[in-house]
Amino acid sequence: MCYDRYVSICKPLHYGTLLGSRACAHMAAAAWASAFLNALMHTANTFSLPLCHGNALGQFFCEIPQILKLSCSKSYLRELGLLAVSTCLVSGCFVFIVFSYVQIFRAVLRIPSEQGRHKAFSTCLPHLAVVTLFLSTAAFGYLKPPFLSSPSLDLALSVLYSVVPPALNPLIYSLRNQELKEALRKLIGLYFQKHFRTIFCCRAFRM
């Protein structure tokens, strides 16, 4: 998403070339493949851990740090190594995002019209806010020291990085589309029209 913003603002004349259907397919395939391999490694290693502290988790899904608390084997060091690799990958993505947005903000600040700057900022800031929320809460949830751990804090952090960003994305990006706004407005109008018509018919029938 940040690359799309970078190309559309910094290199608008090359947008069709740099972000064609083939480039989008390649980026989507790379993201899905890397996420699948990362999840596969963590899942395979987690299932190999012997659990000796029960099998109850204080979470609504099988989060890796919570599963490691139930393990009594030194093989959890392998999982910590995998977490370190995942942290490096996430850090690389974060550096790429920061670099892209630095270039974007430099280009936006050179826009002469205030309306153009406002439109560019309103397009980029929601995405940056969601990414920052996801990365900061996930990093704190996985890397926080053990003495800061508590069931309520762990649950709140997991909700913040696993539920809130996916829920905000459709709201942020879809409602910026003018056609979707018009369709939503018509749908709401039809709902209220049907609702008031039903009330009017019921009152007329009673009379």
N, C-alpha and C. Protein backbone atom coordinates (compact mmCIF):
# COMPACT_ATOMS: atom_id res chain seq x y z
N MET A 1 0.83 -1.20 0.00
CA MET A 1 0.00 0.00 0.00
C MET A 1 0.87 1.26 0.00
N CYS A 2 1.95 1.25 0.79
CA CYS A 2 2.80 2.44 0.82
C CYS A 2 3.50 2.62 -0.53
N TYR A 3 3.82 1.52 -1.21
CA TYR A 3 4.45 1.64 -2.53
C TYR A 3 3.46 2.23 -3.54
N ASP A 4 2.20 1.85 -3.42
CA ASP A 4 1.16 2.43 -4.28
C ASP A 4 1.06 3.94 -4.04
N ARG A 5 1.07 4.36 -2.76
CA ARG A 5 1.04 5.79 -2.46
C ARG A 5 2.29 6.50 -2.98
N TYR A 6 3.43 5.84 -2.82
CA TYR A 6 4.70 6.44 -3.27
C TYR A 6 4.69 6.67 -4.78
N VAL A 7 4.27 5.66 -5.54
CA VAL A 7 4.27 5.79 -7.00
C VAL A 7 3.23 6.81 -7.45
N SER A 8 2.03 6.78 -6.85
CA SER A 8 0.97 7.69 -7.29
C SER A 8 1.29 9.15 -6.99
N ILE A 9 2.07 9.43 -5.94
CA ILE A 9 2.38 10.81 -5.57
C ILE A 9 3.73 11.26 -6.12
N CYS A 10 4.74 10.41 -6.01
CA CYS A 10 6.09 10.81 -6.42
C CYS A 10 6.36 10.56 -7.91
N LYS A 11 5.74 9.53 -8.49
CA LYS A 11 5.96 9.21 -9.89
C LYS A 11 4.63 8.93 -10.58
N PRO A 12 3.75 9.92 -10.64
CA PRO A 12 2.41 9.67 -11.17
C PRO A 12 2.40 9.30 -12.66
N LEU A 13 3.35 9.83 -13.43
CA LEU A 13 3.38 9.53 -14.86
C LEU A 13 3.81 8.10 -15.15
N HIS A 14 4.48 7.47 -14.22
CA HIS A 14 4.93 6.09 -14.41
C HIS A 14 4.06 5.10 -13.65
N TYR A 15 2.90 5.54 -13.17
CA TYR A 15 2.07 4.67 -12.34
C TYR A 15 1.63 3.41 -13.09
N GLY A 16 1.17 3.59 -14.32
CA GLY A 16 0.71 2.44 -15.09
C GLY A 16 1.81 1.45 -15.40
N THR A 17 3.05 1.94 -15.54
CA THR A 17 4.17 1.05 -15.83
C THR A 17 4.66 0.33 -14.58
N LEU A 18 4.82 1.08 -13.48
CA LEU A 18 5.37 0.50 -12.27
C LEU A 18 4.38 -0.35 -11.50
N LEU A 19 3.08 -0.05 -11.63
CA LEU A 19 2.06 -0.79 -10.89
C LEU A 19 1.01 -1.35 -11.83
N GLY A 20 1.48 -2.06 -12.84
CA GLY A 20 0.56 -2.74 -13.72
C GLY A 20 0.01 -4.00 -13.08
N SER A 21 -0.81 -4.73 -13.82
CA SER A 21 -1.43 -5.94 -13.27
C SER A 21 -0.38 -7.00 -12.94
N ARG A 22 0.68 -7.09 -13.76
CA ARG A 22 1.72 -8.09 -13.48
C ARG A 22 2.48 -7.74 -12.21
N ALA A 23 2.83 -6.46 -12.04
CA ALA A 23 3.55 -6.05 -10.83
C ALA A 23 2.71 -6.27 -9.58
N CYS A 24 1.42 -5.96 -9.66
CA CYS A 24 0.53 -6.19 -8.50
C CYS A 24 0.41 -7.67 -8.18
N ALA A 25 0.34 -8.51 -9.22
CA ALA A 25 0.26 -9.96 -8.99
C ALA A 25 1.53 -10.48 -8.35
N HIS A 26 2.68 -9.98 -8.80
CA HIS A 26 3.95 -10.41 -8.21
C HIS A 26 4.07 -9.99 -6.74
N MET A 27 3.67 -8.76 -6.43
CA MET A 27 3.75 -8.30 -5.04
C MET A 27 2.79 -9.07 -4.14
N ALA A 28 1.58 -9.33 -4.64
CA ALA A 28 0.62 -10.10 -3.85
C ALA A 28 1.11 -11.53 -3.62
N ALA A 29 1.68 -12.14 -4.68
CA ALA A 29 2.20 -13.51 -4.54
C ALA A 29 3.36 -13.56 -3.56
N ALA A 30 4.25 -12.56 -3.62
CA ALA A 30 5.38 -12.53 -2.68
C ALA A 30 4.90 -12.36 -1.24
N ALA A 31 3.91 -11.50 -1.02
CA ALA A 31 3.38 -11.31 0.33
C ALA A 31 2.71 -12.57 0.85
N TRP A 32 1.88 -13.20 0.03
CA TRP A 32 1.19 -14.42 0.46
C TRP A 32 2.18 -15.56 0.70
N ALA A 33 3.16 -15.71 -0.19
CA ALA A 33 4.13 -16.81 -0.06
C ALA A 33 4.98 -16.64 1.19
N SER A 34 5.47 -15.42 1.44
CA SER A 34 6.31 -15.19 2.62
C SER A 34 5.50 -15.39 3.91
N ALA A 35 4.26 -14.92 3.93
CA ALA A 35 3.41 -15.11 5.11
C ALA A 35 3.11 -16.59 5.33
N PHE A 36 2.86 -17.32 4.24
CA PHE A 36 2.56 -18.75 4.38
C PHE A 36 3.77 -19.52 4.89
N LEU A 37 4.95 -19.25 4.35
CA LEU A 37 6.16 -19.94 4.80
C LEU A 37 6.48 -19.61 6.26
N ASN A 38 6.32 -18.35 6.62
CA ASN A 38 6.56 -17.94 8.01
C ASN A 38 5.60 -18.65 8.97
N ALA A 39 4.32 -18.68 8.61
CA ALA A 39 3.33 -19.35 9.46
C ALA A 39 3.59 -20.85 9.50
N LEU A 40 4.01 -21.45 8.38
CA LEU A 40 4.28 -22.88 8.34
C LEU A 40 5.45 -23.25 9.26
N MET A 41 6.51 -22.45 9.25
CA MET A 41 7.65 -22.73 10.11
C MET A 41 7.27 -22.64 11.59
N HIS A 42 6.53 -21.58 11.94
CA HIS A 42 6.12 -21.43 13.33
C HIS A 42 5.17 -22.55 13.76
N THR A 43 4.25 -22.93 12.88
CA THR A 43 3.29 -23.98 13.23
C THR A 43 3.99 -25.32 13.41
N ALA A 44 4.89 -25.67 12.49
CA ALA A 44 5.60 -26.95 12.59
C ALA A 44 6.45 -27.00 13.85
N ASN A 45 7.12 -25.90 14.17
CA ASN A 45 7.96 -25.90 15.37
C ASN A 45 7.13 -25.91 16.65
N THR A 46 6.00 -25.21 16.63
CA THR A 46 5.15 -25.17 17.82
C THR A 46 4.56 -26.53 18.14
N PHE A 47 4.16 -27.29 17.12
CA PHE A 47 3.58 -28.61 17.36
C PHE A 47 4.63 -29.62 17.86
N SER A 48 5.90 -29.29 17.68
CA SER A 48 6.94 -30.20 18.18
C SER A 48 7.31 -29.93 19.64
N LEU A 49 6.74 -28.87 20.23
CA LEU A 49 7.08 -28.54 21.62
C LEU A 49 6.26 -29.38 22.59
N PRO A 50 6.90 -30.00 23.58
CA PRO A 50 6.13 -30.70 24.62
C PRO A 50 5.55 -29.70 25.61
N LEU A 51 4.28 -29.87 25.92
CA LEU A 51 3.59 -28.96 26.83
C LEU A 51 3.42 -29.66 28.19
N CYS A 52 3.94 -29.03 29.23
CA CYS A 52 3.86 -29.65 30.55
C CYS A 52 3.18 -28.73 31.58
N HIS A 53 2.67 -27.58 31.13
CA HIS A 53 1.99 -26.66 32.05
C HIS A 53 0.51 -26.55 31.69
N GLY A 54 -0.09 -27.65 31.30
CA GLY A 54 -1.48 -27.63 30.90
C GLY A 54 -1.64 -27.28 29.43
N ASN A 55 -2.88 -27.12 29.04
CA ASN A 55 -3.18 -26.79 27.64
C ASN A 55 -4.18 -25.65 27.52
N ALA A 56 -4.35 -24.87 28.56
CA ALA A 56 -5.29 -23.74 28.56
C ALA A 56 -4.54 -22.44 28.30
N LEU A 57 -5.03 -21.67 27.34
CA LEU A 57 -4.44 -20.39 26.98
C LEU A 57 -5.38 -19.27 27.38
N GLY A 58 -4.81 -18.17 27.87
CA GLY A 58 -5.62 -17.00 28.20
C GLY A 58 -5.80 -16.08 27.02
N GLN A 59 -6.09 -16.66 25.85
CA GLN A 59 -6.27 -15.90 24.62
C GLN A 59 -7.45 -16.49 23.85
N PHE A 60 -7.90 -15.77 22.84
CA PHE A 60 -8.96 -16.28 22.00
C PHE A 60 -8.41 -16.95 20.74
N PHE A 61 -7.06 -17.05 20.59
CA PHE A 61 -6.45 -17.82 19.52
C PHE A 61 -5.08 -18.30 20.01
N CYS A 62 -4.50 -19.26 19.30
CA CYS A 62 -3.23 -19.88 19.73
C CYS A 62 -2.06 -18.97 19.37
N GLU A 63 -1.80 -18.02 20.21
CA GLU A 63 -0.70 -17.08 19.98
C GLU A 63 0.61 -17.71 20.45
N ILE A 64 1.67 -17.50 19.69
CA ILE A 64 2.93 -18.18 19.94
C ILE A 64 3.50 -17.90 21.33
N PRO A 65 3.60 -16.64 21.78
CA PRO A 65 4.16 -16.41 23.12
C PRO A 65 3.39 -17.11 24.23
N GLN A 66 2.07 -17.23 24.07
CA GLN A 66 1.27 -17.92 25.07
C GLN A 66 1.54 -19.42 25.06
N ILE A 67 1.75 -19.99 23.89
CA ILE A 67 2.08 -21.42 23.80
C ILE A 67 3.45 -21.70 24.39
N LEU A 68 4.41 -20.78 24.19
CA LEU A 68 5.74 -20.98 24.74
C LEU A 68 5.73 -21.01 26.27
N LYS A 69 4.77 -20.32 26.88
CA LYS A 69 4.68 -20.34 28.34
C LYS A 69 4.29 -21.72 28.87
N LEU A 70 3.64 -22.52 28.03
CA LEU A 70 3.21 -23.86 28.45
C LEU A 70 4.29 -24.90 28.21
N SER A 71 5.35 -24.54 27.52
CA SER A 71 6.39 -25.51 27.19
C SER A 71 7.41 -25.62 28.31
N CYS A 72 7.91 -26.84 28.52
CA CYS A 72 8.94 -27.06 29.53
C CYS A 72 10.21 -27.60 28.90
N SER A 73 10.33 -27.48 27.58
CA SER A 73 11.49 -28.01 26.88
C SER A 73 12.38 -26.88 26.40
N LYS A 74 13.67 -27.17 26.30
CA LYS A 74 14.61 -26.17 25.80
C LYS A 74 14.48 -25.95 24.30
N SER A 75 13.64 -26.75 23.65
CA SER A 75 13.44 -26.58 22.22
C SER A 75 12.71 -25.29 21.88
N TYR A 76 12.22 -24.60 22.93
CA TYR A 76 11.57 -23.32 22.65
C TYR A 76 12.58 -22.30 22.12
N LEU A 77 13.88 -22.57 22.28
CA LEU A 77 14.90 -21.67 21.72
C LEU A 77 14.80 -21.61 20.20
N ARG A 78 14.39 -22.71 19.58
CA ARG A 78 14.19 -22.68 18.13
C ARG A 78 13.08 -21.70 17.76
N GLU A 79 12.03 -21.71 18.56
CA GLU A 79 10.92 -20.78 18.31
C GLU A 79 11.36 -19.35 18.50
N LEU A 80 12.18 -19.12 19.50
CA LEU A 80 12.70 -17.76 19.70
C LEU A 80 13.56 -17.34 18.51
N GLY A 81 14.32 -18.29 17.95
CA GLY A 81 15.09 -17.97 16.75
C GLY A 81 14.20 -17.62 15.57
N LEU A 82 13.10 -18.36 15.41
CA LEU A 82 12.15 -18.04 14.35
C LEU A 82 11.50 -16.68 14.58
N LEU A 83 11.21 -16.37 15.83
CA LEU A 83 10.65 -15.05 16.14
C LEU A 83 11.64 -13.95 15.80
N ALA A 84 12.95 -14.22 16.03
CA ALA A 84 13.97 -13.22 15.68
C ALA A 84 14.01 -13.01 14.18
N VAL A 85 13.90 -14.11 13.41
CA VAL A 85 13.88 -13.99 11.94
C VAL A 85 12.66 -13.19 11.50
N SER A 86 11.50 -13.48 12.10
CA SER A 86 10.29 -12.74 11.75
C SER A 86 10.42 -11.26 12.11
N THR A 87 11.07 -10.99 13.25
CA THR A 87 11.28 -9.60 13.64
C THR A 87 12.16 -8.86 12.64
N CYS A 88 13.17 -9.54 12.12
CA CYS A 88 14.04 -8.92 11.12
C CYS A 88 13.26 -8.62 9.84
N LEU A 89 12.39 -9.56 9.43
CA LEU A 89 11.59 -9.33 8.24
C LEU A 89 10.64 -8.15 8.43
N VAL A 90 10.00 -8.10 9.59
CA VAL A 90 9.08 -6.99 9.88
C VAL A 90 9.84 -5.67 9.94
N SER A 91 11.04 -5.71 10.52
CA SER A 91 11.84 -4.48 10.60
C SER A 91 12.23 -4.00 9.21
N GLY A 92 12.55 -4.95 8.31
CA GLY A 92 12.85 -4.56 6.94
C GLY A 92 11.66 -3.90 6.26
N CYS A 93 10.46 -4.47 6.46
CA CYS A 93 9.25 -3.85 5.91
C CYS A 93 9.01 -2.48 6.51
N PHE A 94 9.26 -2.35 7.81
CA PHE A 94 9.04 -1.06 8.48
C PHE A 94 9.99 0.00 7.93
N VAL A 95 11.26 -0.37 7.71
CA VAL A 95 12.22 0.58 7.14
C VAL A 95 11.78 1.00 5.74
N PHE A 96 11.30 0.05 4.95
CA PHE A 96 10.81 0.37 3.60
C PHE A 96 9.62 1.31 3.66
N ILE A 97 8.70 1.07 4.60
CA ILE A 97 7.53 1.94 4.75
C ILE A 97 7.95 3.35 5.16
N VAL A 98 8.86 3.44 6.13
CA VAL A 98 9.32 4.75 6.59
C VAL A 98 10.01 5.51 5.47
N PHE A 99 10.87 4.83 4.73
CA PHE A 99 11.57 5.48 3.62
C PHE A 99 10.58 5.97 2.56
N SER A 100 9.57 5.13 2.24
CA SER A 100 8.58 5.53 1.25
C SER A 100 7.80 6.75 1.71
N TYR A 101 7.41 6.78 2.98
CA TYR A 101 6.62 7.91 3.45
C TYR A 101 7.45 9.17 3.63
N VAL A 102 8.73 9.03 3.90
CA VAL A 102 9.60 10.21 3.91
C VAL A 102 9.63 10.85 2.52
N GLN A 103 9.78 10.02 1.49
CA GLN A 103 9.76 10.54 0.13
C GLN A 103 8.39 11.13 -0.22
N ILE A 104 7.33 10.48 0.25
CA ILE A 104 5.98 10.98 -0.03
C ILE A 104 5.76 12.34 0.61
N PHE A 105 6.12 12.48 1.88
CA PHE A 105 5.90 13.75 2.57
C PHE A 105 6.77 14.87 1.99
N ARG A 106 7.96 14.53 1.53
CA ARG A 106 8.80 15.54 0.86
C ARG A 106 8.14 16.02 -0.42
N ALA A 107 7.56 15.09 -1.17
CA ALA A 107 6.87 15.48 -2.41
C ALA A 107 5.59 16.26 -2.11
N VAL A 108 4.86 15.86 -1.06
CA VAL A 108 3.61 16.54 -0.72
C VAL A 108 3.88 17.97 -0.28
N LEU A 109 4.92 18.18 0.50
CA LEU A 109 5.22 19.53 0.98
C LEU A 109 5.64 20.47 -0.14
N ARG A 110 6.02 19.92 -1.28
CA ARG A 110 6.37 20.76 -2.44
C ARG A 110 5.16 21.09 -3.30
N ILE A 111 3.99 20.53 -2.99
CA ILE A 111 2.77 20.84 -3.74
C ILE A 111 2.36 22.29 -3.42
N PRO A 112 2.17 23.13 -4.43
CA PRO A 112 1.89 24.55 -4.15
C PRO A 112 0.53 24.81 -3.53
N SER A 113 -0.49 24.05 -3.92
CA SER A 113 -1.84 24.33 -3.43
C SER A 113 -2.09 23.63 -2.10
N GLU A 114 -2.78 24.36 -1.22
CA GLU A 114 -3.11 23.79 0.09
C GLU A 114 -4.11 22.65 -0.05
N GLN A 115 -5.02 22.76 -1.02
CA GLN A 115 -6.01 21.71 -1.22
C GLN A 115 -5.33 20.41 -1.68
N GLY A 116 -4.32 20.54 -2.55
CA GLY A 116 -3.59 19.36 -3.00
C GLY A 116 -2.83 18.69 -1.87
N ARG A 117 -2.23 19.50 -0.99
CA ARG A 117 -1.51 18.92 0.15
C ARG A 117 -2.47 18.23 1.09
N HIS A 118 -3.63 18.85 1.33
CA HIS A 118 -4.62 18.25 2.22
C HIS A 118 -5.11 16.92 1.66
N LYS A 119 -5.35 16.84 0.36
CA LYS A 119 -5.84 15.61 -0.26
C LYS A 119 -4.80 14.51 -0.17
N ALA A 120 -3.52 14.87 -0.40
CA ALA A 120 -2.45 13.87 -0.31
C ALA A 120 -2.28 13.36 1.10
N PHE A 121 -2.30 14.28 2.08
CA PHE A 121 -2.15 13.86 3.47
C PHE A 121 -3.33 13.00 3.92
N SER A 122 -4.54 13.37 3.51
CA SER A 122 -5.72 12.59 3.91
C SER A 122 -5.71 11.21 3.29
N THR A 123 -4.99 11.04 2.17
CA THR A 123 -4.88 9.73 1.55
C THR A 123 -3.85 8.86 2.25
N CYS A 124 -2.75 9.47 2.69
CA CYS A 124 -1.63 8.69 3.24
C CYS A 124 -1.73 8.45 4.74
N LEU A 125 -2.20 9.44 5.49
CA LEU A 125 -2.17 9.33 6.95
C LEU A 125 -3.00 8.18 7.51
N PRO A 126 -4.21 7.87 6.97
CA PRO A 126 -4.94 6.72 7.52
C PRO A 126 -4.17 5.41 7.40
N HIS A 127 -3.54 5.19 6.23
CA HIS A 127 -2.75 3.97 6.07
C HIS A 127 -1.58 3.94 7.02
N LEU A 128 -0.91 5.06 7.17
CA LEU A 128 0.23 5.12 8.09
C LEU A 128 -0.21 4.88 9.53
N ALA A 129 -1.37 5.39 9.90
CA ALA A 129 -1.86 5.19 11.27
C ALA A 129 -2.17 3.71 11.53
N VAL A 130 -2.80 3.03 10.56
CA VAL A 130 -3.13 1.62 10.74
C VAL A 130 -1.86 0.77 10.82
N VAL A 131 -0.89 1.07 9.94
CA VAL A 131 0.37 0.31 9.95
C VAL A 131 1.11 0.53 11.27
N THR A 132 1.15 1.77 11.74
CA THR A 132 1.83 2.06 13.01
C THR A 132 1.16 1.36 14.17
N LEU A 133 -0.18 1.35 14.19
CA LEU A 133 -0.91 0.64 15.25
C LEU A 133 -0.58 -0.85 15.23
N PHE A 134 -0.59 -1.44 14.05
CA PHE A 134 -0.33 -2.87 13.94
C PHE A 134 1.09 -3.22 14.37
N LEU A 135 2.08 -2.51 13.82
CA LEU A 135 3.48 -2.85 14.10
C LEU A 135 3.85 -2.57 15.56
N SER A 136 3.38 -1.45 16.10
CA SER A 136 3.77 -1.10 17.46
C SER A 136 3.17 -2.07 18.48
N THR A 137 1.88 -2.38 18.33
CA THR A 137 1.25 -3.30 19.29
C THR A 137 1.77 -4.72 19.14
N ALA A 138 2.01 -5.16 17.89
CA ALA A 138 2.53 -6.52 17.68
C ALA A 138 3.94 -6.64 18.23
N ALA A 139 4.79 -5.62 17.97
CA ALA A 139 6.16 -5.67 18.47
C ALA A 139 6.19 -5.66 20.00
N PHE A 140 5.35 -4.83 20.61
CA PHE A 140 5.32 -4.79 22.07
C PHE A 140 4.77 -6.09 22.64
N GLY A 141 3.76 -6.67 21.97
CA GLY A 141 3.18 -7.91 22.46
C GLY A 141 4.16 -9.08 22.41
N TYR A 142 5.01 -9.11 21.38
CA TYR A 142 5.94 -10.23 21.24
C TYR A 142 7.27 -10.00 21.93
N LEU A 143 7.68 -8.75 22.09
CA LEU A 143 9.02 -8.47 22.61
C LEU A 143 9.02 -7.89 24.02
N LYS A 144 7.87 -7.73 24.63
CA LYS A 144 7.84 -7.13 25.97
C LYS A 144 8.49 -8.08 26.98
N PRO A 145 9.10 -7.55 28.03
CA PRO A 145 9.72 -8.41 29.06
C PRO A 145 8.66 -9.19 29.82
N PRO A 146 9.03 -10.33 30.38
CA PRO A 146 8.03 -11.19 31.06
C PRO A 146 7.34 -10.52 32.24
N PHE A 147 8.03 -9.62 32.95
CA PHE A 147 7.39 -9.03 34.13
C PHE A 147 6.25 -8.08 33.76
N LEU A 148 6.16 -7.67 32.49
CA LEU A 148 5.05 -6.81 32.06
C LEU A 148 3.85 -7.62 31.58
N SER A 149 4.01 -8.92 31.54
CA SER A 149 2.95 -9.76 31.00
C SER A 149 1.82 -9.94 32.01
N SER A 150 0.60 -9.82 31.52
CA SER A 150 -0.59 -10.09 32.32
C SER A 150 -1.70 -10.53 31.36
N PRO A 151 -2.64 -11.36 31.80
CA PRO A 151 -3.69 -11.85 30.89
C PRO A 151 -4.48 -10.73 30.22
N SER A 152 -4.84 -9.70 30.99
CA SER A 152 -5.64 -8.62 30.40
C SER A 152 -4.83 -7.82 29.39
N LEU A 153 -3.55 -7.54 29.69
CA LEU A 153 -2.71 -6.79 28.76
C LEU A 153 -2.45 -7.59 27.50
N ASP A 154 -2.17 -8.88 27.64
CA ASP A 154 -1.93 -9.72 26.48
C ASP A 154 -3.16 -9.80 25.59
N LEU A 155 -4.32 -9.91 26.20
CA LEU A 155 -5.56 -9.98 25.42
C LEU A 155 -5.83 -8.66 24.70
N ALA A 156 -5.60 -7.54 25.38
CA ALA A 156 -5.83 -6.23 24.75
C ALA A 156 -4.88 -6.01 23.59
N LEU A 157 -3.61 -6.39 23.75
CA LEU A 157 -2.64 -6.22 22.67
C LEU A 157 -2.99 -7.10 21.48
N SER A 158 -3.39 -8.34 21.74
CA SER A 158 -3.73 -9.23 20.63
C SER A 158 -4.93 -8.71 19.84
N VAL A 159 -5.89 -8.11 20.54
CA VAL A 159 -7.04 -7.52 19.84
C VAL A 159 -6.59 -6.33 19.00
N LEU A 160 -5.68 -5.52 19.53
CA LEU A 160 -5.23 -4.32 18.83
C LEU A 160 -4.50 -4.64 17.54
N TYR A 161 -3.72 -5.72 17.50
CA TYR A 161 -2.99 -5.98 16.26
C TYR A 161 -3.60 -7.07 15.39
N SER A 162 -4.56 -7.83 15.90
CA SER A 162 -5.15 -8.89 15.07
C SER A 162 -6.58 -8.59 14.63
N VAL A 163 -7.29 -7.73 15.35
CA VAL A 163 -8.70 -7.46 15.04
C VAL A 163 -8.91 -6.04 14.52
N VAL A 164 -8.31 -5.06 15.20
CA VAL A 164 -8.59 -3.67 14.86
C VAL A 164 -8.09 -3.27 13.47
N PRO A 165 -6.82 -3.53 13.08
CA PRO A 165 -6.39 -3.11 11.74
C PRO A 165 -7.20 -3.72 10.61
N PRO A 166 -7.49 -5.04 10.59
CA PRO A 166 -8.34 -5.55 9.50
C PRO A 166 -9.74 -4.95 9.49
N ALA A 167 -10.25 -4.59 10.67
CA ALA A 167 -11.58 -3.98 10.73
C ALA A 167 -11.57 -2.54 10.23
N LEU A 168 -10.46 -1.84 10.45
CA LEU A 168 -10.37 -0.44 10.02
C LEU A 168 -10.09 -0.30 8.54
N ASN A 169 -9.38 -1.27 7.93
CA ASN A 169 -8.98 -1.13 6.53
C ASN A 169 -10.16 -0.93 5.58
N PRO A 170 -11.21 -1.77 5.63
CA PRO A 170 -12.35 -1.51 4.72
C PRO A 170 -12.99 -0.15 4.96
N LEU A 171 -13.08 0.26 6.23
CA LEU A 171 -13.70 1.54 6.55
C LEU A 171 -12.88 2.70 5.99
N ILE A 172 -11.55 2.60 6.09
CA ILE A 172 -10.68 3.69 5.68
C ILE A 172 -10.61 3.80 4.16
N TYR A 173 -10.41 2.66 3.49
CA TYR A 173 -10.13 2.71 2.06
C TYR A 173 -11.39 2.64 1.20
N SER A 174 -12.39 1.86 1.61
CA SER A 174 -13.58 1.73 0.78
C SER A 174 -14.42 2.99 0.77
N LEU A 175 -14.55 3.65 1.94
CA LEU A 175 -15.41 4.82 2.00
C LEU A 175 -14.79 6.05 1.36
N ARG A 176 -13.52 5.94 0.91
CA ARG A 176 -12.93 7.04 0.17
C ARG A 176 -13.32 6.99 -1.30
N ASN A 177 -13.90 5.89 -1.72
CA ASN A 177 -14.36 5.73 -3.10
C ASN A 177 -15.72 6.40 -3.24
N GLN A 178 -15.82 7.32 -4.20
CA GLN A 178 -17.04 8.10 -4.36
C GLN A 178 -18.22 7.22 -4.75
N GLU A 179 -17.97 6.20 -5.59
CA GLU A 179 -19.05 5.32 -6.01
C GLU A 179 -19.59 4.51 -4.83
N LEU A 180 -18.69 4.05 -3.96
CA LEU A 180 -19.14 3.32 -2.77
C LEU A 180 -19.92 4.23 -1.82
N LYS A 181 -19.49 5.47 -1.72
CA LYS A 181 -20.23 6.43 -0.89
C LYS A 181 -21.65 6.60 -1.42
N GLU A 182 -21.79 6.76 -2.74
CA GLU A 182 -23.11 6.94 -3.32
C GLU A 182 -23.97 5.69 -3.14
N ALA A 183 -23.36 4.52 -3.31
CA ALA A 183 -24.12 3.27 -3.13
C ALA A 183 -24.58 3.11 -1.68
N LEU A 184 -23.70 3.44 -0.73
CA LEU A 184 -24.07 3.37 0.68
C LEU A 184 -25.17 4.36 1.01
N ARG A 185 -25.08 5.57 0.43
CA ARG A 185 -26.10 6.58 0.68
C ARG A 185 -27.47 6.13 0.14
N LYS A 186 -27.46 5.52 -1.05
CA LYS A 186 -28.71 5.03 -1.63
C LYS A 186 -29.29 3.88 -0.80
N LEU A 187 -28.39 3.01 -0.31
CA LEU A 187 -28.86 1.88 0.49
C LEU A 187 -29.51 2.36 1.78
N ILE A 188 -28.88 3.34 2.43
CA ILE A 188 -29.46 3.89 3.66
C ILE A 188 -30.78 4.59 3.37
N GLY A 189 -30.83 5.33 2.24
CA GLY A 189 -32.07 6.00 1.86
C GLY A 189 -33.20 5.02 1.59
N LEU A 190 -32.89 3.90 0.91
CA LEU A 190 -33.91 2.90 0.64
C LEU A 190 -34.39 2.24 1.93
N TYR A 191 -33.47 2.03 2.86
CA TYR A 191 -33.85 1.42 4.13
C TYR A 191 -34.84 2.31 4.89
N PHE A 192 -34.50 3.61 5.01
CA PHE A 192 -35.38 4.52 5.74
C PHE A 192 -36.70 4.72 5.01
N GLN A 193 -36.65 4.73 3.68
CA GLN A 193 -37.89 4.89 2.91
C GLN A 193 -38.82 3.69 3.14
N LYS A 194 -38.24 2.49 3.12
CA LYS A 194 -39.05 1.29 3.37
C LYS A 194 -39.56 1.26 4.80
N HIS A 195 -38.72 1.70 5.74
CA HIS A 195 -39.11 1.69 7.15
C HIS A 195 -40.28 2.64 7.40
N PHE A 196 -40.17 3.87 6.87
CA PHE A 196 -41.24 4.85 7.08
C PHE A 196 -42.51 4.45 6.33
N ARG A 197 -42.35 3.79 5.19
CA ARG A 197 -43.54 3.34 4.45
C ARG A 197 -44.27 2.28 5.24
N THR A 198 -43.53 1.38 5.90
CA THR A 198 -44.16 0.34 6.72
C THR A 198 -44.91 0.96 7.89
N ILE A 199 -44.29 1.96 8.54
CA ILE A 199 -44.96 2.64 9.67
C ILE A 199 -46.23 3.34 9.21
N PHE A 200 -46.15 4.01 8.06
CA PHE A 200 -47.31 4.73 7.54
C PHE A 200 -48.45 3.77 7.20
N CYS A 201 -48.10 2.61 6.59
CA CYS A 201 -49.13 1.63 6.22
C CYS A 201 -49.79 1.04 7.47
N CYS A 202 -48.99 0.79 8.52
CA CYS A 202 -49.54 0.24 9.77
C CYS A 202 -50.50 1.24 10.42
N ARG A 203 -50.14 2.50 10.41
CA ARG A 203 -51.02 3.51 11.01
C ARG A 203 -52.29 3.67 10.19
N ALA A 204 -52.17 3.63 8.84
CA ALA A 204 -53.35 3.74 8.00
C ALA A 204 -54.28 2.55 8.19
N PHE A 205 -53.72 1.36 8.38
CA PHE A 205 -54.53 0.16 8.58
C PHE A 205 -55.28 0.24 9.91
N ARG A 206 -54.63 0.79 10.95
CA ARG A 206 -55.27 0.90 12.25
C ARG A 206 -56.44 1.90 12.18
N MET A 207 -56.26 2.96 11.40
CA MET A 207 -57.33 3.95 11.28
C MET A 207 -58.53 3.36 10.52
